[in-house]
Amino acid sequence: MFDTNVLLNLYGYAKQTREDFFSILQAINEKLWIPYHVGLEYQRRRLNIIRN
């Protein structure tokens, strides 16, 4: 399970780090679970993170 900040921090990582992270997510995708509130908070905050 991921915290919202784990997902939002992806915007600040280097390209290779993001690609590595997504490769890991693909490897564990059947075991991955993101709570509704995390997704909601991510959607609410992501544009501000991208702007900064």
N, C-alpha and C. Protein backbone atom coordinates (compact mmCIF):
# COMPACT_ATOMS: atom_id res chain seq x y z
N MET A 1 0.85 -1.18 0.00
CA MET A 1 0.00 0.00 0.00
C MET A 1 0.90 1.24 0.00
N PHE A 2 0.52 2.22 -0.79
CA PHE A 2 1.31 3.43 -0.93
C PHE A 2 0.63 4.62 -0.28
N ASP A 3 1.47 5.51 0.21
CA ASP A 3 1.04 6.80 0.71
C ASP A 3 0.96 7.74 -0.49
N THR A 4 0.15 8.76 -0.39
CA THR A 4 0.01 9.74 -1.48
C THR A 4 1.36 10.36 -1.84
N ASN A 5 2.18 10.62 -0.85
CA ASN A 5 3.47 11.27 -1.12
C ASN A 5 4.40 10.41 -1.96
N VAL A 6 4.31 9.10 -1.83
CA VAL A 6 5.13 8.22 -2.67
C VAL A 6 4.80 8.47 -4.13
N LEU A 7 3.53 8.58 -4.44
CA LEU A 7 3.11 8.82 -5.82
C LEU A 7 3.45 10.23 -6.29
N LEU A 8 3.24 11.21 -5.43
CA LEU A 8 3.52 12.59 -5.81
C LEU A 8 5.01 12.85 -5.97
N ASN A 9 5.84 12.15 -5.22
CA ASN A 9 7.29 12.33 -5.32
C ASN A 9 7.83 11.90 -6.67
N LEU A 10 7.08 11.08 -7.39
CA LEU A 10 7.52 10.63 -8.71
C LEU A 10 7.78 11.81 -9.65
N TYR A 11 7.06 12.90 -9.46
CA TYR A 11 7.25 14.06 -10.33
C TYR A 11 8.61 14.72 -10.14
N GLY A 12 9.25 14.48 -9.02
CA GLY A 12 10.55 15.09 -8.76
C GLY A 12 11.72 14.17 -9.04
N TYR A 13 11.47 12.92 -9.38
CA TYR A 13 12.55 11.96 -9.61
C TYR A 13 13.12 12.11 -11.01
N ALA A 14 14.35 11.67 -11.16
CA ALA A 14 14.97 11.62 -12.48
C ALA A 14 14.25 10.59 -13.34
N LYS A 15 14.37 10.73 -14.64
CA LYS A 15 13.66 9.86 -15.57
C LYS A 15 13.97 8.38 -15.31
N GLN A 16 15.23 8.05 -15.13
CA GLN A 16 15.61 6.65 -14.90
C GLN A 16 15.03 6.12 -13.60
N THR A 17 14.99 6.93 -12.58
CA THR A 17 14.42 6.53 -11.30
C THR A 17 12.93 6.23 -11.45
N ARG A 18 12.22 7.09 -12.18
CA ARG A 18 10.79 6.85 -12.44
C ARG A 18 10.58 5.55 -13.20
N GLU A 19 11.39 5.32 -14.22
CA GLU A 19 11.27 4.10 -15.00
C GLU A 19 11.53 2.87 -14.14
N ASP A 20 12.53 2.94 -13.28
CA ASP A 20 12.82 1.82 -12.37
C ASP A 20 11.65 1.58 -11.42
N PHE A 21 11.09 2.65 -10.90
CA PHE A 21 9.96 2.54 -9.98
C PHE A 21 8.77 1.88 -10.67
N PHE A 22 8.47 2.31 -11.91
CA PHE A 22 7.35 1.72 -12.64
C PHE A 22 7.61 0.26 -12.98
N SER A 23 8.86 -0.10 -13.22
CA SER A 23 9.18 -1.51 -13.46
C SER A 23 8.89 -2.35 -12.23
N ILE A 24 9.20 -1.82 -11.08
CA ILE A 24 8.90 -2.52 -9.82
C ILE A 24 7.39 -2.64 -9.64
N LEU A 25 6.67 -1.57 -9.93
CA LEU A 25 5.21 -1.63 -9.81
C LEU A 25 4.61 -2.68 -10.73
N GLN A 26 5.15 -2.79 -11.93
CA GLN A 26 4.64 -3.80 -12.85
C GLN A 26 4.92 -5.21 -12.33
N ALA A 27 6.04 -5.39 -11.66
CA ALA A 27 6.39 -6.71 -11.13
C ALA A 27 5.47 -7.12 -9.99
N ILE A 28 4.93 -6.15 -9.25
CA ILE A 28 4.08 -6.47 -8.09
C ILE A 28 2.63 -6.07 -8.31
N ASN A 29 2.23 -5.83 -9.55
CA ASN A 29 0.92 -5.25 -9.82
C ASN A 29 -0.24 -6.06 -9.28
N GLU A 30 -0.12 -7.36 -9.19
CA GLU A 30 -1.23 -8.16 -8.65
C GLU A 30 -1.35 -8.05 -7.13
N LYS A 31 -0.31 -7.58 -6.50
CA LYS A 31 -0.31 -7.43 -5.04
C LYS A 31 -0.48 -5.97 -4.62
N LEU A 32 -0.55 -5.09 -5.59
CA LEU A 32 -0.61 -3.65 -5.32
C LEU A 32 -2.04 -3.22 -5.05
N TRP A 33 -2.18 -2.42 -4.02
CA TRP A 33 -3.49 -1.89 -3.65
C TRP A 33 -3.32 -0.45 -3.23
N ILE A 34 -4.10 0.43 -3.82
CA ILE A 34 -4.06 1.85 -3.46
C ILE A 34 -5.43 2.23 -2.93
N PRO A 35 -5.50 2.67 -1.69
CA PRO A 35 -6.79 3.06 -1.11
C PRO A 35 -7.43 4.23 -1.87
N TYR A 36 -8.73 4.27 -1.84
CA TYR A 36 -9.48 5.32 -2.51
C TYR A 36 -9.00 6.71 -2.09
N HIS A 37 -8.80 6.91 -0.81
CA HIS A 37 -8.41 8.22 -0.30
C HIS A 37 -7.05 8.65 -0.84
N VAL A 38 -6.14 7.70 -1.02
CA VAL A 38 -4.82 8.02 -1.58
C VAL A 38 -4.99 8.51 -3.02
N GLY A 39 -5.81 7.82 -3.80
CA GLY A 39 -6.06 8.24 -5.18
C GLY A 39 -6.72 9.59 -5.25
N LEU A 40 -7.66 9.83 -4.36
CA LEU A 40 -8.36 11.11 -4.32
C LEU A 40 -7.40 12.24 -3.96
N GLU A 41 -6.60 12.04 -2.94
CA GLU A 41 -5.65 13.06 -2.52
C GLU A 41 -4.60 13.31 -3.61
N TYR A 42 -4.18 12.24 -4.28
CA TYR A 42 -3.24 12.37 -5.40
C TYR A 42 -3.83 13.27 -6.48
N GLN A 43 -5.06 13.02 -6.87
CA GLN A 43 -5.70 13.81 -7.92
C GLN A 43 -5.86 15.27 -7.50
N ARG A 44 -6.14 15.50 -6.25
CA ARG A 44 -6.31 16.87 -5.76
C ARG A 44 -5.01 17.65 -5.73
N ARG A 45 -3.90 16.98 -5.47
CA ARG A 45 -2.63 17.68 -5.25
C ARG A 45 -1.67 17.64 -6.43
N ARG A 46 -1.90 16.78 -7.40
CA ARG A 46 -0.89 16.56 -8.43
C ARG A 46 -0.63 17.77 -9.30
N LEU A 47 -1.63 18.55 -9.65
CA LEU A 47 -1.39 19.71 -10.50
C LEU A 47 -0.53 20.75 -9.81
N ASN A 48 -0.72 20.93 -8.51
CA ASN A 48 0.14 21.86 -7.76
C ASN A 48 1.57 21.38 -7.73
N ILE A 49 1.76 20.07 -7.59
CA ILE A 49 3.10 19.50 -7.57
C ILE A 49 3.76 19.70 -8.93
N ILE A 50 3.03 19.47 -10.00
CA ILE A 50 3.58 19.63 -11.34
C ILE A 50 3.97 21.07 -11.59
N ARG A 51 3.15 22.02 -11.15
CA ARG A 51 3.46 23.44 -11.33
C ARG A 51 4.72 23.85 -10.60
N ASN A 52 4.95 23.26 -9.43
CA ASN A 52 6.12 23.62 -8.64
C ASN A 52 7.34 22.88 -9.16
